[in-house]
Structures are given as C-alpha cells and as structure tokens.
Amino acid sequence: MQGLYPPDMADPTTPTVLLSDVEIQRVVADLAHRIAPVIDDETVAVVLLTGGLWFAADLTRALSRVGRQVRFDALWLASYGDGQSSRGRIDVHAPYQRPIAGRRVLILDDVFDTGLSLAEAVRITREAGAADVLTCVFARKPWPEPRAVEPDFVGWEAPNRFLVGYGLDHAGTLRGLPDICALD
C-alpha cells in the first residue's frame, strides 16, 4: 500500500484504512449471494451516481458470477456537494435513461447515512412506475434519528466517521483509493 496514501502519517488528513480492498470484495460477494435469489435477469440495477459507481460495477459483476445478468441504469443525485455533511436537500442531476415501468428495480448506493438520497431515489423510482423497488447499500453509518427508508440489503456496518475511497470522496478527491478509509 506504500504510495497510495500521503506519506505524512502525523497529518490528521491522512486516510486511516478501515476496510481493505480484499475485505470489500468479500462483502460484495456476500451481497451478491444474498441478492441473487430475490431478483431475476429482468431486474434493473440502478446506481446512484457518483459515489456508488465503484460498488455497482463490482456488485453487478459479482451477480453475474452467481448467474444473474441484471440490466443497468443510473440516477445522478447529490446531497453533499463538496462538504463533509449533507446539505439536507437532494439535487437531481440526471434521471433514468430508460423506462423502468413494470420492472423490479434494485437501487445501489455507496453509503447510507441521512437516508435522504436513498429515499429520493425510491420516490423517483416508484413515480416512474417500477413494479418493485429493492435497495442495497455497501455501507450503513449509524444515525441518531429514524430514517425515512432503511435499505433492504447492507454490506457493511460502518463507523460514524468521514469515509473516503472506493467511490467515497472528499470534495471530489480520494474516490479512487482501493480501500475504505476514514478521513477525520
């Protein structure tokens, strides 16, 4: 891992590895085994952009390895901007590319904290006429209040820290780290 992270380990902005890339792949494989029995090849896997892209790519390949060839689409939603906390509102930057009416939809997101993005994605998907909506997040962070929706599938129970890597970013940076790290 030398060279992947800033060299000054005394710097408080140096990422601390919480989940290695090997552990991430183990979590993704487990999710694929849990999800495969409840979906079919007509299911549309929908990634919430941008952070969920890494997870969605890995999960759809893992589903393929267990015999599920899902369709694919995306919603581009944003609630953080470049900050470290949600702004409390969701911006929709890009809607679905294809019709999803009458289909089962599996919404995929990287991290579940406030629940605002996932709730908005579920609302948009139901309004678009999906027959069934399932949700899956790679990581769920603890939250002090009840959330509007809870994911159907959760890969990893994350600590309440600011996460980067594996698609999670800090003002657009550090998404490409292969591990999930804390930056706090």
N, C-alpha and C. Protein backbone atom coordinates (compact mmCIF):
# COMPACT_ATOMS: atom_id res chain seq x y z
N MET A 1 0.81 -1.19 0.00
CA MET A 1 0.00 0.00 0.00
C MET A 1 0.85 1.26 0.00
N GLN A 2 2.16 1.09 0.08
CA GLN A 2 3.02 2.27 0.07
C GLN A 2 2.80 3.05 -1.21
N GLY A 3 2.69 4.34 -1.10
CA GLY A 3 2.49 5.19 -2.26
C GLY A 3 1.04 5.53 -2.53
N LEU A 4 0.10 4.80 -1.95
CA LEU A 4 -1.31 5.08 -2.20
C LEU A 4 -1.82 6.25 -1.38
N TYR A 5 -1.22 6.47 -0.23
CA TYR A 5 -1.70 7.48 0.70
C TYR A 5 -0.60 8.50 0.96
N PRO A 6 -0.97 9.70 1.40
CA PRO A 6 0.04 10.72 1.68
C PRO A 6 1.08 10.18 2.68
N PRO A 7 2.34 10.57 2.51
CA PRO A 7 3.41 10.00 3.33
C PRO A 7 3.45 10.49 4.77
N ASP A 8 2.90 11.66 5.08
CA ASP A 8 3.00 12.21 6.42
C ASP A 8 1.92 11.63 7.32
N MET A 9 2.23 10.56 8.03
CA MET A 9 1.25 9.87 8.86
C MET A 9 0.83 10.70 10.08
N ALA A 10 1.56 11.76 10.41
CA ALA A 10 1.15 12.62 11.52
C ALA A 10 0.08 13.62 11.10
N ASP A 11 -0.14 13.74 9.81
CA ASP A 11 -1.14 14.66 9.27
C ASP A 11 -2.54 14.12 9.58
N PRO A 12 -3.41 14.91 10.23
CA PRO A 12 -4.75 14.42 10.57
C PRO A 12 -5.62 14.17 9.35
N THR A 13 -5.20 14.63 8.17
CA THR A 13 -5.98 14.36 6.96
C THR A 13 -5.52 13.11 6.23
N THR A 14 -4.56 12.38 6.80
CA THR A 14 -4.11 11.13 6.20
C THR A 14 -5.20 10.08 6.41
N PRO A 15 -5.63 9.43 5.34
CA PRO A 15 -6.68 8.41 5.48
C PRO A 15 -6.23 7.22 6.34
N THR A 16 -7.12 6.75 7.20
CA THR A 16 -6.89 5.57 8.00
C THR A 16 -7.72 4.44 7.41
N VAL A 17 -7.09 3.35 7.01
CA VAL A 17 -7.79 2.23 6.40
C VAL A 17 -8.72 1.56 7.41
N LEU A 18 -10.00 1.47 7.03
CA LEU A 18 -11.00 0.79 7.86
C LEU A 18 -11.40 -0.56 7.25
N LEU A 19 -11.41 -0.63 5.93
CA LEU A 19 -11.82 -1.85 5.23
C LEU A 19 -10.93 -1.97 3.98
N SER A 20 -10.14 -3.03 3.91
CA SER A 20 -9.21 -3.19 2.79
C SER A 20 -9.96 -3.60 1.53
N ASP A 21 -9.27 -3.46 0.40
CA ASP A 21 -9.88 -3.85 -0.87
C ASP A 21 -10.24 -5.33 -0.89
N VAL A 22 -9.47 -6.17 -0.24
CA VAL A 22 -9.79 -7.60 -0.15
C VAL A 22 -11.07 -7.81 0.65
N GLU A 23 -11.20 -7.11 1.75
CA GLU A 23 -12.42 -7.21 2.57
C GLU A 23 -13.63 -6.66 1.82
N ILE A 24 -13.43 -5.59 1.06
CA ILE A 24 -14.51 -5.02 0.25
C ILE A 24 -15.04 -6.06 -0.72
N GLN A 25 -14.15 -6.75 -1.42
CA GLN A 25 -14.59 -7.76 -2.39
C GLN A 25 -15.31 -8.91 -1.71
N ARG A 26 -14.94 -9.26 -0.50
CA ARG A 26 -15.63 -10.30 0.27
C ARG A 26 -17.06 -9.85 0.61
N VAL A 27 -17.20 -8.59 1.01
CA VAL A 27 -18.53 -8.04 1.31
C VAL A 27 -19.41 -8.04 0.06
N VAL A 28 -18.85 -7.62 -1.07
CA VAL A 28 -19.60 -7.57 -2.33
C VAL A 28 -20.06 -8.97 -2.74
N ALA A 29 -19.18 -9.95 -2.63
CA ALA A 29 -19.55 -11.33 -2.99
C ALA A 29 -20.67 -11.84 -2.10
N ASP A 30 -20.61 -11.53 -0.82
CA ASP A 30 -21.67 -11.94 0.11
C ASP A 30 -23.00 -11.28 -0.27
N LEU A 31 -22.96 -10.00 -0.60
CA LEU A 31 -24.19 -9.31 -1.02
C LEU A 31 -24.78 -9.98 -2.27
N ALA A 32 -23.95 -10.30 -3.24
CA ALA A 32 -24.44 -10.94 -4.47
C ALA A 32 -25.14 -12.25 -4.16
N HIS A 33 -24.60 -13.03 -3.24
CA HIS A 33 -25.24 -14.30 -2.87
C HIS A 33 -26.58 -14.08 -2.17
N ARG A 34 -26.68 -13.00 -1.39
CA ARG A 34 -27.95 -12.71 -0.70
C ARG A 34 -29.00 -12.13 -1.63
N ILE A 35 -28.56 -11.34 -2.61
CA ILE A 35 -29.49 -10.65 -3.52
C ILE A 35 -29.98 -11.56 -4.64
N ALA A 36 -29.12 -12.40 -5.19
CA ALA A 36 -29.44 -13.21 -6.37
C ALA A 36 -30.76 -13.98 -6.26
N PRO A 37 -31.10 -14.58 -5.12
CA PRO A 37 -32.36 -15.33 -5.05
C PRO A 37 -33.63 -14.48 -5.14
N VAL A 38 -33.52 -13.16 -4.93
CA VAL A 38 -34.73 -12.33 -4.91
C VAL A 38 -34.86 -11.43 -6.14
N ILE A 39 -33.96 -11.59 -7.11
CA ILE A 39 -34.05 -10.83 -8.35
C ILE A 39 -34.01 -11.79 -9.52
N ASP A 40 -34.23 -11.25 -10.73
CA ASP A 40 -34.09 -12.05 -11.94
C ASP A 40 -33.33 -11.23 -12.98
N ASP A 41 -33.17 -11.78 -14.16
CA ASP A 41 -32.39 -11.10 -15.20
C ASP A 41 -33.11 -9.89 -15.80
N GLU A 42 -34.38 -9.71 -15.47
CA GLU A 42 -35.11 -8.52 -15.92
C GLU A 42 -35.00 -7.37 -14.93
N THR A 43 -34.40 -7.63 -13.78
CA THR A 43 -34.22 -6.60 -12.76
C THR A 43 -33.28 -5.52 -13.30
N VAL A 44 -33.62 -4.27 -13.00
CA VAL A 44 -32.77 -3.15 -13.38
C VAL A 44 -31.98 -2.72 -12.15
N ALA A 45 -30.67 -2.88 -12.20
CA ALA A 45 -29.79 -2.38 -11.14
C ALA A 45 -29.54 -0.91 -11.43
N VAL A 46 -29.83 -0.06 -10.47
CA VAL A 46 -29.71 1.39 -10.65
C VAL A 46 -28.66 1.92 -9.68
N VAL A 47 -27.60 2.47 -10.21
CA VAL A 47 -26.57 3.05 -9.37
C VAL A 47 -26.91 4.52 -9.10
N LEU A 48 -26.70 4.93 -7.86
CA LEU A 48 -26.80 6.35 -7.53
C LEU A 48 -25.41 6.95 -7.71
N LEU A 49 -25.33 7.85 -8.67
CA LEU A 49 -24.04 8.47 -9.02
C LEU A 49 -23.75 9.61 -8.07
N THR A 50 -22.52 9.88 -7.81
CA THR A 50 -21.35 9.34 -8.47
C THR A 50 -20.68 8.28 -7.61
N GLY A 51 -20.79 8.41 -6.32
CA GLY A 51 -20.06 7.53 -5.41
C GLY A 51 -20.38 6.06 -5.54
N GLY A 52 -21.60 5.71 -5.91
CA GLY A 52 -21.99 4.31 -5.98
C GLY A 52 -21.46 3.56 -7.17
N LEU A 53 -20.79 4.25 -8.08
CA LEU A 53 -20.33 3.61 -9.31
C LEU A 53 -19.36 2.46 -9.06
N TRP A 54 -18.40 2.62 -8.17
CA TRP A 54 -17.44 1.57 -7.88
C TRP A 54 -18.16 0.34 -7.34
N PHE A 55 -19.01 0.54 -6.37
CA PHE A 55 -19.77 -0.56 -5.76
C PHE A 55 -20.68 -1.22 -6.79
N ALA A 56 -21.40 -0.44 -7.58
CA ALA A 56 -22.33 -1.01 -8.57
C ALA A 56 -21.58 -1.84 -9.60
N ALA A 57 -20.43 -1.38 -10.04
CA ALA A 57 -19.65 -2.15 -11.01
C ALA A 57 -19.24 -3.49 -10.41
N ASP A 58 -18.73 -3.46 -9.18
CA ASP A 58 -18.31 -4.71 -8.53
C ASP A 58 -19.50 -5.63 -8.27
N LEU A 59 -20.62 -5.06 -7.79
CA LEU A 59 -21.77 -5.90 -7.45
C LEU A 59 -22.40 -6.52 -8.69
N THR A 60 -22.53 -5.76 -9.77
CA THR A 60 -23.14 -6.35 -10.97
C THR A 60 -22.26 -7.46 -11.54
N ARG A 61 -20.94 -7.33 -11.45
CA ARG A 61 -20.05 -8.42 -11.87
C ARG A 61 -20.19 -9.62 -10.93
N ALA A 62 -20.30 -9.36 -9.62
CA ALA A 62 -20.48 -10.45 -8.66
C ALA A 62 -21.81 -11.16 -8.89
N LEU A 63 -22.86 -10.41 -9.21
CA LEU A 63 -24.15 -11.02 -9.53
C LEU A 63 -24.04 -11.88 -10.78
N SER A 64 -23.28 -11.43 -11.75
CA SER A 64 -23.06 -12.22 -12.96
C SER A 64 -22.38 -13.54 -12.63
N ARG A 65 -21.42 -13.51 -11.71
CA ARG A 65 -20.71 -14.74 -11.32
C ARG A 65 -21.63 -15.74 -10.64
N VAL A 66 -22.75 -15.27 -10.05
CA VAL A 66 -23.70 -16.20 -9.43
C VAL A 66 -24.95 -16.39 -10.29
N GLY A 67 -24.84 -16.02 -11.57
CA GLY A 67 -25.89 -16.35 -12.53
C GLY A 67 -26.96 -15.31 -12.77
N ARG A 68 -26.77 -14.08 -12.34
CA ARG A 68 -27.75 -13.02 -12.57
C ARG A 68 -27.17 -11.97 -13.51
N GLN A 69 -27.83 -11.77 -14.65
CA GLN A 69 -27.40 -10.78 -15.64
C GLN A 69 -28.39 -9.62 -15.62
N VAL A 70 -28.22 -8.73 -14.66
CA VAL A 70 -29.16 -7.62 -14.48
C VAL A 70 -28.99 -6.57 -15.57
N ARG A 71 -30.06 -5.82 -15.78
CA ARG A 71 -30.00 -4.63 -16.64
C ARG A 71 -29.38 -3.52 -15.79
N PHE A 72 -29.05 -2.40 -16.41
CA PHE A 72 -28.31 -1.36 -15.67
C PHE A 72 -28.79 0.03 -16.07
N ASP A 73 -28.91 0.90 -15.07
CA ASP A 73 -29.24 2.30 -15.31
C ASP A 73 -28.65 3.11 -14.16
N ALA A 74 -28.88 4.41 -14.18
CA ALA A 74 -28.30 5.29 -13.17
C ALA A 74 -29.21 6.47 -12.88
N LEU A 75 -29.12 6.95 -11.66
CA LEU A 75 -29.68 8.23 -11.25
C LEU A 75 -28.52 9.04 -10.70
N TRP A 76 -28.45 10.30 -11.07
CA TRP A 76 -27.39 11.14 -10.53
C TRP A 76 -28.02 12.09 -9.53
N LEU A 77 -27.82 11.78 -8.27
CA LEU A 77 -28.35 12.58 -7.16
C LEU A 77 -27.18 13.13 -6.35
N ALA A 78 -27.38 14.25 -5.69
CA ALA A 78 -26.32 14.82 -4.85
C ALA A 78 -26.93 15.48 -3.63
N SER A 79 -26.32 15.21 -2.46
CA SER A 79 -26.76 15.89 -1.25
C SER A 79 -25.59 16.50 -0.49
N TYR A 80 -24.37 16.15 -0.85
CA TYR A 80 -23.20 16.64 -0.11
C TYR A 80 -22.50 17.81 -0.76
N GLY A 81 -22.50 17.89 -2.08
CA GLY A 81 -21.65 18.89 -2.73
C GLY A 81 -20.21 18.57 -2.37
N ASP A 82 -19.42 19.57 -2.00
CA ASP A 82 -18.03 19.33 -1.61
C ASP A 82 -17.85 19.32 -0.09
N GLY A 83 -18.93 19.36 0.66
CA GLY A 83 -18.83 19.38 2.11
C GLY A 83 -18.71 18.00 2.72
N GLN A 84 -18.53 17.96 4.03
CA GLN A 84 -18.42 16.69 4.75
C GLN A 84 -19.73 16.30 5.42
N SER A 85 -20.77 17.07 5.19
CA SER A 85 -22.08 16.70 5.72
C SER A 85 -23.15 17.07 4.70
N SER A 86 -24.27 16.38 4.81
CA SER A 86 -25.37 16.60 3.87
C SER A 86 -25.90 18.03 3.98
N ARG A 87 -26.31 18.58 2.84
CA ARG A 87 -26.91 19.92 2.83
C ARG A 87 -28.37 19.86 3.23
N GLY A 88 -28.91 18.63 3.39
CA GLY A 88 -30.30 18.47 3.78
C GLY A 88 -31.29 18.51 2.63
N ARG A 89 -30.79 18.56 1.41
CA ARG A 89 -31.65 18.52 0.23
C ARG A 89 -30.96 17.70 -0.85
N ILE A 90 -31.75 17.20 -1.78
CA ILE A 90 -31.24 16.37 -2.86
C ILE A 90 -31.40 17.10 -4.18
N ASP A 91 -30.32 17.17 -4.92
CA ASP A 91 -30.35 17.70 -6.28
C ASP A 91 -30.36 16.52 -7.24
N VAL A 92 -31.23 16.56 -8.25
CA VAL A 92 -31.27 15.52 -9.27
C VAL A 92 -30.56 16.08 -10.50
N HIS A 93 -29.40 15.52 -10.81
CA HIS A 93 -28.60 15.99 -11.95
C HIS A 93 -28.93 15.23 -13.23
N ALA A 94 -29.35 13.96 -13.11
CA ALA A 94 -29.71 13.18 -14.30
C ALA A 94 -30.71 12.09 -13.91
N PRO A 95 -31.83 12.00 -14.63
CA PRO A 95 -32.85 10.98 -14.35
C PRO A 95 -32.52 9.67 -15.05
N TYR A 96 -33.44 8.71 -14.97
CA TYR A 96 -33.27 7.43 -15.65
C TYR A 96 -33.09 7.63 -17.15
N GLN A 97 -32.32 6.73 -17.75
CA GLN A 97 -32.08 6.77 -19.20
C GLN A 97 -33.12 5.95 -19.97
N ARG A 98 -33.69 4.92 -19.31
CA ARG A 98 -34.64 4.01 -19.96
C ARG A 98 -35.89 3.88 -19.10
N PRO A 99 -36.99 3.46 -19.71
CA PRO A 99 -38.21 3.25 -18.92
C PRO A 99 -38.03 2.09 -17.94
N ILE A 100 -38.54 2.27 -16.73
CA ILE A 100 -38.47 1.20 -15.73
C ILE A 100 -39.86 0.75 -15.29
N ALA A 101 -40.89 1.29 -15.91
CA ALA A 101 -42.26 0.93 -15.54
C ALA A 101 -42.46 -0.57 -15.64
N GLY A 102 -43.06 -1.14 -14.60
CA GLY A 102 -43.37 -2.55 -14.58
C GLY A 102 -42.21 -3.46 -14.21
N ARG A 103 -41.04 -2.92 -13.98
CA ARG A 103 -39.86 -3.74 -13.68
C ARG A 103 -39.53 -3.72 -12.19
N ARG A 104 -38.81 -4.75 -11.77
CA ARG A 104 -38.20 -4.75 -10.43
C ARG A 104 -36.92 -3.93 -10.55
N VAL A 105 -36.70 -3.05 -9.59
CA VAL A 105 -35.52 -2.18 -9.59
C VAL A 105 -34.75 -2.41 -8.30
N LEU A 106 -33.44 -2.55 -8.45
CA LEU A 106 -32.52 -2.69 -7.31
C LEU A 106 -31.65 -1.44 -7.29
N ILE A 107 -31.92 -0.54 -6.34
CA ILE A 107 -31.16 0.70 -6.22
C ILE A 107 -29.89 0.43 -5.42
N LEU A 108 -28.76 0.86 -5.97
CA LEU A 108 -27.44 0.62 -5.36
C LEU A 108 -26.79 1.95 -4.97
N ASP A 109 -26.35 2.04 -3.73
CA ASP A 109 -25.67 3.25 -3.28
C ASP A 109 -24.46 2.86 -2.44
N ASP A 110 -23.52 3.79 -2.35
CA ASP A 110 -22.29 3.51 -1.63
C ASP A 110 -22.47 3.54 -0.11
N VAL A 111 -23.01 4.63 0.42
CA VAL A 111 -23.13 4.76 1.87
C VAL A 111 -24.49 5.32 2.24
N PHE A 112 -25.03 4.81 3.32
CA PHE A 112 -26.33 5.23 3.83
C PHE A 112 -26.08 5.92 5.16
N ASP A 113 -26.33 7.24 5.19
CA ASP A 113 -26.22 7.94 6.47
C ASP A 113 -27.52 8.68 6.77
N THR A 114 -27.78 9.84 6.19
CA THR A 114 -29.04 10.53 6.48
C THR A 114 -30.24 9.80 5.88
N GLY A 115 -30.01 9.07 4.80
CA GLY A 115 -31.10 8.36 4.11
C GLY A 115 -31.81 9.21 3.07
N LEU A 116 -31.43 10.48 2.94
CA LEU A 116 -32.13 11.38 2.01
C LEU A 116 -32.00 10.93 0.56
N SER A 117 -30.80 10.57 0.13
CA SER A 117 -30.60 10.17 -1.27
C SER A 117 -31.38 8.90 -1.59
N LEU A 118 -31.30 7.93 -0.70
CA LEU A 118 -32.00 6.67 -0.95
C LEU A 118 -33.51 6.88 -0.96
N ALA A 119 -34.02 7.67 -0.04
CA ALA A 119 -35.46 7.96 -0.01
C ALA A 119 -35.91 8.66 -1.29
N GLU A 120 -35.11 9.61 -1.77
CA GLU A 120 -35.45 10.31 -3.00
C GLU A 120 -35.39 9.36 -4.20
N ALA A 121 -34.40 8.50 -4.23
CA ALA A 121 -34.30 7.53 -5.33
C ALA A 121 -35.49 6.58 -5.33
N VAL A 122 -35.91 6.13 -4.17
CA VAL A 122 -37.09 5.25 -4.08
C VAL A 122 -38.33 5.99 -4.56
N ARG A 123 -38.49 7.24 -4.15
CA ARG A 123 -39.64 8.03 -4.58
C ARG A 123 -39.66 8.19 -6.11
N ILE A 124 -38.54 8.58 -6.68
CA ILE A 124 -38.43 8.76 -8.13
C ILE A 124 -38.74 7.45 -8.86
N THR A 125 -38.24 6.36 -8.33
CA THR A 125 -38.41 5.05 -8.96
C THR A 125 -39.86 4.59 -8.91
N ARG A 126 -40.50 4.80 -7.79
CA ARG A 126 -41.92 4.43 -7.69
C ARG A 126 -42.76 5.31 -8.61
N GLU A 127 -42.46 6.60 -8.65
CA GLU A 127 -43.20 7.50 -9.54
C GLU A 127 -42.99 7.13 -11.02
N ALA A 128 -41.86 6.52 -11.34
CA ALA A 128 -41.59 6.09 -12.71
C ALA A 128 -42.28 4.77 -13.04
N GLY A 129 -42.98 4.20 -12.06
CA GLY A 129 -43.80 3.02 -12.31
C GLY A 129 -43.15 1.68 -12.08
N ALA A 130 -42.07 1.62 -11.32
CA ALA A 130 -41.44 0.33 -11.04
C ALA A 130 -42.43 -0.58 -10.33
N ALA A 131 -42.40 -1.86 -10.69
CA ALA A 131 -43.29 -2.84 -10.06
C ALA A 131 -42.84 -3.16 -8.64
N ASP A 132 -41.55 -3.12 -8.40
CA ASP A 132 -40.99 -3.47 -7.10
C ASP A 132 -39.68 -2.71 -6.95
N VAL A 133 -39.41 -2.21 -5.76
CA VAL A 133 -38.18 -1.46 -5.51
C VAL A 133 -37.45 -2.09 -4.33
N LEU A 134 -36.22 -2.52 -4.59
CA LEU A 134 -35.32 -3.03 -3.56
C LEU A 134 -34.15 -2.07 -3.46
N THR A 135 -33.54 -2.01 -2.28
CA THR A 135 -32.42 -1.11 -2.09
C THR A 135 -31.24 -1.85 -1.48
N CYS A 136 -30.05 -1.46 -1.88
CA CYS A 136 -28.83 -2.08 -1.38
C CYS A 136 -27.77 -1.00 -1.23
N VAL A 137 -27.13 -0.98 -0.07
CA VAL A 137 -26.03 -0.04 0.17
C VAL A 137 -24.80 -0.83 0.59
N PHE A 138 -23.65 -0.34 0.17
CA PHE A 138 -22.43 -1.00 0.61
C PHE A 138 -22.23 -0.80 2.10
N ALA A 139 -22.35 0.44 2.57
CA ALA A 139 -22.09 0.77 3.97
C ALA A 139 -23.26 1.52 4.58
N ARG A 140 -23.58 1.19 5.83
CA ARG A 140 -24.60 1.94 6.58
C ARG A 140 -23.92 2.53 7.81
N LYS A 141 -24.03 3.86 7.93
CA LYS A 141 -23.48 4.55 9.10
C LYS A 141 -24.59 4.70 10.14
N PRO A 142 -24.21 4.73 11.42
CA PRO A 142 -25.23 4.96 12.45
C PRO A 142 -25.80 6.37 12.32
N TRP A 143 -27.06 6.51 12.69
CA TRP A 143 -27.73 7.80 12.61
C TRP A 143 -28.60 7.94 13.84
N PRO A 144 -28.63 9.11 14.48
CA PRO A 144 -29.34 9.26 15.75
C PRO A 144 -30.87 9.26 15.64
N GLU A 145 -31.40 9.46 14.44
CA GLU A 145 -32.85 9.55 14.28
C GLU A 145 -33.34 8.51 13.29
N PRO A 146 -34.62 8.12 13.37
CA PRO A 146 -35.15 7.19 12.36
C PRO A 146 -35.07 7.81 10.97
N ARG A 147 -34.80 6.98 9.98
CA ARG A 147 -34.71 7.45 8.60
C ARG A 147 -35.96 7.04 7.85
N ALA A 148 -36.26 7.78 6.79
CA ALA A 148 -37.49 7.53 6.01
C ALA A 148 -37.54 6.13 5.43
N VAL A 149 -36.42 5.64 4.98
CA VAL A 149 -36.33 4.27 4.46
C VAL A 149 -35.11 3.61 5.08
N GLU A 150 -35.14 2.31 5.14
CA GLU A 150 -33.97 1.52 5.53
C GLU A 150 -33.66 0.61 4.36
N PRO A 151 -32.37 0.40 4.06
CA PRO A 151 -32.02 -0.45 2.92
C PRO A 151 -32.44 -1.90 3.14
N ASP A 152 -32.79 -2.56 2.04
CA ASP A 152 -33.13 -3.99 2.11
C ASP A 152 -31.88 -4.84 2.31
N PHE A 153 -30.76 -4.40 1.74
CA PHE A 153 -29.50 -5.13 1.85
C PHE A 153 -28.40 -4.16 2.26
N VAL A 154 -27.61 -4.57 3.25
CA VAL A 154 -26.48 -3.77 3.73
C VAL A 154 -25.25 -4.67 3.74
N GLY A 155 -24.16 -4.15 3.17
CA GLY A 155 -22.94 -4.93 3.15
C GLY A 155 -22.11 -4.80 4.41
N TRP A 156 -21.93 -3.58 4.88
CA TRP A 156 -21.00 -3.31 5.98
C TRP A 156 -21.57 -2.25 6.90
N GLU A 157 -21.53 -2.50 8.19
CA GLU A 157 -21.94 -1.51 9.19
C GLU A 157 -20.74 -0.63 9.48
N ALA A 158 -20.76 0.57 8.96
CA ALA A 158 -19.62 1.48 9.04
C ALA A 158 -19.66 2.30 10.33
N PRO A 159 -18.50 2.73 10.78
CA PRO A 159 -18.49 3.64 11.94
C PRO A 159 -18.95 5.03 11.51
N ASN A 160 -19.29 5.83 12.49
CA ASN A 160 -19.73 7.21 12.23
C ASN A 160 -18.50 8.11 12.04
N ARG A 161 -17.85 7.91 10.90
CA ARG A 161 -16.65 8.68 10.57
C ARG A 161 -16.79 9.18 9.14
N PHE A 162 -15.96 10.14 8.74
CA PHE A 162 -15.99 10.63 7.37
C PHE A 162 -15.19 9.66 6.51
N LEU A 163 -15.89 8.99 5.58
CA LEU A 163 -15.30 7.91 4.79
C LEU A 163 -14.86 8.41 3.41
N VAL A 164 -13.74 7.87 2.95
CA VAL A 164 -13.24 8.13 1.60
C VAL A 164 -12.73 6.82 1.01
N GLY A 165 -12.57 6.81 -0.30
CA GLY A 165 -12.08 5.63 -1.01
C GLY A 165 -13.23 4.78 -1.49
N TYR A 166 -12.95 3.90 -2.46
CA TYR A 166 -13.96 3.02 -3.05
C TYR A 166 -15.20 3.81 -3.48
N GLY A 167 -14.94 4.96 -4.10
CA GLY A 167 -16.02 5.80 -4.61
C GLY A 167 -16.43 6.93 -3.70
N LEU A 168 -16.12 6.83 -2.44
CA LEU A 168 -16.45 7.89 -1.47
C LEU A 168 -15.39 8.97 -1.57
N ASP A 169 -15.82 10.23 -1.52
CA ASP A 169 -14.86 11.30 -1.79
C ASP A 169 -14.83 12.37 -0.73
N HIS A 170 -13.80 13.19 -0.85
CA HIS A 170 -13.69 14.42 -0.09
C HIS A 170 -13.50 15.53 -1.11
N ALA A 171 -14.57 16.28 -1.37
CA ALA A 171 -14.55 17.37 -2.36
C ALA A 171 -14.04 16.88 -3.71
N GLY A 172 -14.47 15.70 -4.11
CA GLY A 172 -14.12 15.15 -5.41
C GLY A 172 -12.81 14.39 -5.46
N THR A 173 -12.09 14.33 -4.35
CA THR A 173 -10.81 13.62 -4.34
C THR A 173 -10.91 12.33 -3.52
N LEU A 174 -9.94 11.49 -3.66
CA LEU A 174 -9.75 10.24 -2.90
C LEU A 174 -10.75 9.15 -3.25
N ARG A 175 -11.62 9.35 -4.25
CA ARG A 175 -12.57 8.30 -4.66
C ARG A 175 -11.85 7.03 -5.10
N GLY A 176 -10.71 7.19 -5.74
CA GLY A 176 -10.01 6.07 -6.33
C GLY A 176 -9.20 5.22 -5.37
N LEU A 177 -9.15 5.57 -4.09
CA LEU A 177 -8.44 4.71 -3.15
C LEU A 177 -9.08 3.33 -3.17
N PRO A 178 -8.29 2.26 -3.16
CA PRO A 178 -8.87 0.92 -3.25
C PRO A 178 -9.53 0.45 -1.95
N ASP A 179 -9.19 1.08 -0.84
CA ASP A 179 -9.73 0.72 0.47
C ASP A 179 -10.76 1.77 0.89
N ILE A 180 -11.57 1.43 1.88
CA ILE A 180 -12.41 2.44 2.52
C ILE A 180 -11.64 2.94 3.73
N CYS A 181 -11.50 4.25 3.79
CA CYS A 181 -10.70 4.87 4.82
C CYS A 181 -11.50 5.94 5.56
N ALA A 182 -11.04 6.28 6.75
CA ALA A 182 -11.61 7.40 7.50
C ALA A 182 -10.69 8.59 7.31
N LEU A 183 -11.30 9.74 7.14
CA LEU A 183 -10.54 10.98 6.98
C LEU A 183 -11.03 11.95 8.04
N ASP A 184 -10.70 11.66 9.28
CA ASP A 184 -11.10 12.55 10.39
C ASP A 184 -10.20 12.34 11.58
